[in-house]
C-alpha atoms as a PDB file:
ATOM      1  CA  MET A   1      -0.057   0.134   0.308  1.00  0.00           C
ATOM      2  CA  ILE A   2       3.144   2.588   0.872  1.00  0.00           C
ATOM      3  CA  LYS A   3       4.411   2.122  -2.552  1.00  0.00           C
ATOM      4  CA  SER A   4       1.467   2.953  -4.103  1.00  0.00           C
ATOM      5  CA  VAL A   5       1.328   6.607  -2.930  1.00  0.00           C
ATOM      6  CA  PRO A   6       4.079   7.584  -4.751  1.00  0.00           C
ATOM      7  CA  ILE A   7       2.495   6.075  -7.976  1.00  0.00           C
ATOM      8  CA  ILE A   8      -0.940   7.617  -7.399  1.00  0.00           C
ATOM      9  CA  ILE A   9       0.949  11.242  -6.426  1.00  0.00           C
ATOM     10  CA  LEU A  10       3.000  11.251  -9.256  1.00  0.00           C
ATOM     11  CA  ALA A  11      -0.285  10.475 -11.500  1.00  0.00           C
ATOM     12  CA  GLY A  12      -1.891  12.868 -10.025  1.00  0.00           C
ATOM     13  CA  ILE A  13       0.775  15.091 -10.612  1.00  0.00           C
ATOM     14  CA  LEU A  14       0.686  14.503 -14.630  1.00  0.00           C
ATOM     15  CA  LEU A  15      -3.034  14.626 -14.864  1.00  0.00           C
ATOM     16  CA  ALA A  16      -3.071  17.974 -13.023  1.00  0.00           C
ATOM     17  CA  GLY A  17      -0.238  19.533 -15.691  1.00  0.00           C
ATOM     18  CA  CYS A  18      -1.687  18.272 -18.319  1.00  0.00           C
ATOM     19  CA  GLU A  19      -3.953  21.723 -19.665  1.00  0.00           C
ATOM     20  CA  PRO A  20      -1.992  25.344 -19.834  1.00  0.00           C
ATOM     21  CA  THR A  21      -3.548  27.473 -17.076  1.00  0.00           C
ATOM     22  CA  ALA A  22      -3.011  31.289 -17.541  1.00  0.00           C
ATOM     23  CA  THR A  23       0.337  31.393 -14.843  1.00  0.00           C
ATOM     24  CA  ARG A  24       1.889  27.457 -16.367  1.00  0.00           C
ATOM     25  CA  PRO A  25       2.442  25.569 -19.198  1.00  0.00           C
ATOM     26  CA  GLY A  26       1.055  21.950 -19.753  1.00  0.00           C
ATOM     27  CA  LEU A  27       1.289  18.762 -21.571  1.00  0.00           C
ATOM     28  CA  TRP A  28      -1.969  18.119 -23.190  1.00  0.00           C
ATOM     29  CA  VAL A  29      -4.888  19.817 -24.664  1.00  0.00           C
ATOM     30  CA  SER A  30      -8.103  17.466 -23.101  1.00  0.00           C
ATOM     31  CA  GLY A  31     -11.366  16.835 -26.163  1.00  0.00           C
ATOM     32  CA  GLU A  32     -12.486  15.865 -29.093  1.00  0.00           C
ATOM     33  CA  VAL A  33     -10.822  16.758 -32.050  1.00  0.00           C
ATOM     34  CA  GLU A  34     -13.532  18.942 -34.826  1.00  0.00           C
ATOM     35  CA  ASN A  35     -13.207  19.820 -38.593  1.00  0.00           C
ATOM     36  CA  PHE A  36     -10.705  22.421 -39.195  1.00  0.00           C
ATOM     37  CA  PRO A  37     -13.283  25.926 -39.319  1.00  0.00           C
ATOM     38  CA  SER A  38     -13.688  27.629 -42.512  1.00  0.00           C
ATOM     39  CA  ASP A  39     -14.489  30.521 -40.669  1.00  0.00           C
ATOM     40  CA  TRP A  40     -13.145  31.397 -37.784  1.00  0.00           C
ATOM     41  CA  ALA A  41     -15.148  34.459 -35.911  1.00  0.00           C
ATOM     42  CA  PHE A  42     -16.378  32.593 -33.666  1.00  0.00           C
ATOM     43  CA  SER A  43     -12.802  32.838 -31.886  1.00  0.00           C
ATOM     44  CA  ASP A  44     -13.223  36.563 -30.790  1.00  0.00           C
ATOM     45  CA  GLU A  45     -15.227  35.914 -28.395  1.00  0.00           C
ATOM     46  CA  PHE A  46     -12.365  34.368 -26.382  1.00  0.00           C
ATOM     47  CA  LYS A  47      -9.571  36.536 -25.191  1.00  0.00           C
ATOM     48  CA  THR A  48      -7.405  33.172 -24.672  1.00  0.00           C
ATOM     49  CA  ILE A  49      -7.201  29.410 -25.845  1.00  0.00           C
ATOM     50  CA  ALA A  50      -4.485  27.152 -25.060  1.00  0.00           C
ATOM     51  CA  LEU A  51      -2.167  25.831 -28.091  1.00  0.00           C
ATOM     52  CA  GLN A  52      -0.334  22.660 -27.824  1.00  0.00           C
ATOM     53  CA  VAL A  53       2.842  22.341 -29.575  1.00  0.00           C
ATOM     54  CA  ASN A  54       5.210  19.315 -30.359  1.00  0.00           C
ATOM     55  CA  ALA A  55       8.544  19.675 -28.396  1.00  0.00           C
ATOM     56  CA  PRO A  56      11.782  18.090 -28.491  1.00  0.00           C
ATOM     57  CA  TYR A  57      11.569  16.570 -25.057  1.00  0.00           C
ATOM     58  CA  LEU A  58       8.492  13.693 -27.005  1.00  0.00           C
ATOM     59  CA  LEU A  59       5.683  15.228 -24.551  1.00  0.00           C
ATOM     60  CA  PRO A  60       3.585  18.495 -25.733  1.00  0.00           C
ATOM     61  CA  HIS A  61       4.214  21.263 -24.509  1.00  0.00           C
ATOM     62  CA  SER A  62       0.707  23.288 -24.566  1.00  0.00           C
ATOM     63  CA  ILE A  63       0.659  27.374 -23.310  1.00  0.00           C
ATOM     64  CA  VAL A  64      -2.023  29.972 -22.968  1.00  0.00           C
ATOM     65  CA  ILE A  65      -1.855  32.787 -25.414  1.00  0.00           C
ATOM     66  CA  TRP A  66      -4.055  35.583 -27.578  1.00  0.00           C
ATOM     67  CA  CYS A  67      -5.190  34.625 -30.769  1.00  0.00           C
ATOM     68  CA  VAL A  68      -7.311  37.115 -33.584  1.00  0.00           C
ATOM     69  CA  GLN A  69      -8.831  36.130 -36.228  1.00  0.00           C
ATOM     70  CA  VAL A  70      -8.886  38.499 -39.408  1.00  0.00           C
ATOM     71  CA  ASP A  71     -11.643  38.347 -42.068  1.00  0.00           C
ATOM     72  CA  GLY A  72     -11.748  34.536 -41.211  1.00  0.00           C
ATOM     73  CA  THR A  73      -8.148  33.572 -40.938  1.00  0.00           C
ATOM     74  CA  LEU A  74      -7.212  32.700 -37.202  1.00  0.00           C
ATOM     75  CA  TYR A  75      -4.033  34.476 -36.284  1.00  0.00           C
ATOM     76  CA  VAL A  76      -1.513  33.887 -33.120  1.00  0.00           C
ATOM     77  CA  ALA A  77       1.852  36.079 -32.419  1.00  0.00           C
ATOM     78  CA  ALA A  78       4.698  35.282 -29.697  1.00  0.00           C
ATOM     79  CA  ARG A  79       6.049  38.771 -27.992  1.00  0.00           C
ATOM     80  CA  ALA A  80      10.122  38.571 -27.330  1.00  0.00           C
ATOM     81  CA  PRO A  81       9.902  33.992 -29.143  1.00  0.00           C
ATOM     82  CA  GLU A  82      13.579  34.516 -28.480  1.00  0.00           C
ATOM     83  CA  GLY A  83      12.862  34.555 -24.920  1.00  0.00           C
ATOM     84  CA  LYS A  84      10.784  31.423 -25.272  1.00  0.00           C
ATOM     85  CA  ARG A  85      11.317  27.874 -26.094  1.00  0.00           C
ATOM     86  CA  TRP A  86       8.082  27.379 -27.382  1.00  0.00           C
ATOM     87  CA  PRO A  87       8.310  29.447 -31.079  1.00  0.00           C
ATOM     88  CA  GLY A  88      11.858  27.698 -31.770  1.00  0.00           C
ATOM     89  CA  TRP A  89       9.721  24.541 -31.609  1.00  0.00           C
ATOM     90  CA  VAL A  90       7.021  25.603 -34.174  1.00  0.00           C
ATOM     91  CA  GLU A  91       9.843  26.123 -36.665  1.00  0.00           C
ATOM     92  CA  ILE A  92      11.209  23.036 -36.203  1.00  0.00           C
ATOM     93  CA  ASP A  93       7.470  21.338 -36.304  1.00  0.00           C
ATOM     94  CA  SER A  94       4.398  23.645 -37.179  1.00  0.00           C
ATOM     95  CA  ASP A  95       1.999  20.908 -36.747  1.00  0.00           C
ATOM     96  CA  VAL A  96      -0.260  22.504 -33.294  1.00  0.00           C
ATOM     97  CA  ILE A  97      -3.857  22.178 -31.540  1.00  0.00           C
ATOM     98  CA  LEU A  98      -5.626  24.730 -31.079  1.00  0.00           C
ATOM     99  CA  LYS A  99      -7.919  24.482 -27.831  1.00  0.00           C
ATOM    100  CA  VAL A 100     -10.689  27.439 -27.860  1.00  0.00           C
ATOM    101  CA  GLY A 101     -13.699  27.559 -25.509  1.00  0.00           C
ATOM    102  CA  GLU A 102     -13.684  23.575 -24.991  1.00  0.00           C
ATOM    103  CA  ARG A 103     -13.047  22.644 -28.443  1.00  0.00           C
ATOM    104  CA  LEU A 104     -10.218  21.478 -30.081  1.00  0.00           C
ATOM    105  CA  PHE A 105      -8.608  21.435 -33.878  1.00  0.00           C
ATOM    106  CA  ASP A 106      -5.500  20.259 -36.114  1.00  0.00           C
ATOM    107  CA  GLY A 107      -3.769  23.134 -37.052  1.00  0.00           C
ATOM    108  CA  LYS A 108      -0.272  23.989 -38.543  1.00  0.00           C
ATOM    109  CA  LEU A 109       1.382  27.709 -38.370  1.00  0.00           C
ATOM    110  CA  GLN A 110       3.000  29.552 -41.314  1.00  0.00           C
ATOM    111  CA  ARG A 111       5.197  31.975 -39.636  1.00  0.00           C
ATOM    112  CA  LEU A 112       4.392  35.548 -41.860  1.00  0.00           C
ATOM    113  CA  THR A 113       6.905  37.460 -42.920  1.00  0.00           C
ATOM    114  CA  ASP A 114       6.264  40.086 -44.995  1.00  0.00           C
ATOM    115  CA  PRO A 115       4.818  44.316 -43.192  1.00  0.00           C
ATOM    116  CA  ASN A 116       1.527  44.471 -45.688  1.00  0.00           C
ATOM    117  CA  GLU A 117       0.863  41.039 -43.550  1.00  0.00           C
ATOM    118  CA  ILE A 118       1.399  41.618 -40.609  1.00  0.00           C
ATOM    119  CA  GLU A 119       0.079  45.402 -40.562  1.00  0.00           C
ATOM    120  CA  PRO A 120      -3.600  44.257 -40.239  1.00  0.00           C
ATOM    121  CA  VAL A 121      -2.797  41.343 -38.230  1.00  0.00           C
ATOM    122  CA  SER A 122      -1.141  43.048 -35.609  1.00  0.00           C
ATOM    123  CA  ASP A 123      -3.054  46.267 -35.569  1.00  0.00           C
ATOM    124  CA  ALA A 124      -5.996  43.428 -34.964  1.00  0.00           C
ATOM    125  CA  TYR A 125      -4.271  42.320 -31.384  1.00  0.00           C
ATOM    126  CA  ALA A 126      -3.828  45.774 -30.712  1.00  0.00           C
ATOM    127  CA  LEU A 127      -7.758  46.166 -31.198  1.00  0.00           C
ATOM    128  CA  LYS A 128      -9.110  43.240 -29.166  1.00  0.00           C
ATOM    129  CA  TYR A 129      -6.659  43.748 -26.877  1.00  0.00           C
ATOM    130  CA  GLU A 130      -6.805  47.511 -26.638  1.00  0.00           C
ATOM    131  CA  LEU A 131      -3.139  47.633 -26.688  1.00  0.00           C
ATOM    132  CA  THR A 132      -1.063  50.733 -27.000  1.00  0.00           C
ATOM    133  CA  SER A 133       1.634  49.237 -28.433  1.00  0.00           C
ATOM    134  CA  ASP A 134       2.104  48.089 -32.092  1.00  0.00           C
ATOM    135  CA  LEU A 135       2.899  44.367 -31.280  1.00  0.00           C
ATOM    136  CA  SER A 136       5.339  44.501 -34.847  1.00  0.00           C
ATOM    137  CA  SER A 137       7.294  47.642 -33.889  1.00  0.00           C
ATOM    138  CA  THR A 138      10.951  46.836 -33.843  1.00  0.00           C
ATOM    139  CA  ASP A 139      11.226  49.136 -31.096  1.00  0.00           C
ATOM    140  CA  GLY A 140      11.855  46.882 -27.610  1.00  0.00           C
ATOM    141  CA  PRO A 141      10.960  42.821 -27.722  1.00  0.00           C
ATOM    142  CA  GLY A 142       9.042  42.450 -31.467  1.00  0.00           C
ATOM    143  CA  SER A 143       6.837  39.628 -31.907  1.00  0.00           C
ATOM    144  CA  TRP A 144       6.416  36.877 -34.349  1.00  0.00           C
ATOM    145  CA  PHE A 145       3.100  36.354 -35.860  1.00  0.00           C
ATOM    146  CA  TRP A 146       1.545  33.095 -37.508  1.00  0.00           C
ATOM    147  CA  ARG A 147      -1.272  31.917 -39.549  1.00  0.00           C
ATOM    148  CA  VAL A 148      -3.185  28.908 -38.438  1.00  0.00           C
ATOM    149  CA  VAL A 149      -3.980  26.542 -41.787  1.00  0.00           C
ATOM    150  CA  SER A 150      -5.525  23.227 -42.061  1.00  0.00           C
ATOM    151  CA  ARG A 151      -2.743  20.174 -41.578  1.00  0.00           C
END
């Protein structure tokens, strides 16, 4: 009986660590994957979503991030990406799982590099999150932006 207690505690820690929160990353996001939406306008009602990426240590890594949609296409961003690990992992493996509310979607992230594509996305972030600074600005830490597409 005594030996089973550490196993139960370990299982509890792993299960508690699955879903990310606003203050800590997680492992797996839970739910049943749905068909990829043709229009992400429904995401406007959510301030944050969970993003699960493939980490090099054979366990998934999930975080809670902001998102915006522009003309029905969903975008995510990383502020100061050089200080985070997950943006580099996405550069290696762009397959992700998104959890929007209680709904899960398989997707792929395509990084935006064209300033003409980035500007409306940055503007959408500023509007949705009432930001006073431009996320795409080269003053400060900068941001990377990705378009979410179907796998």
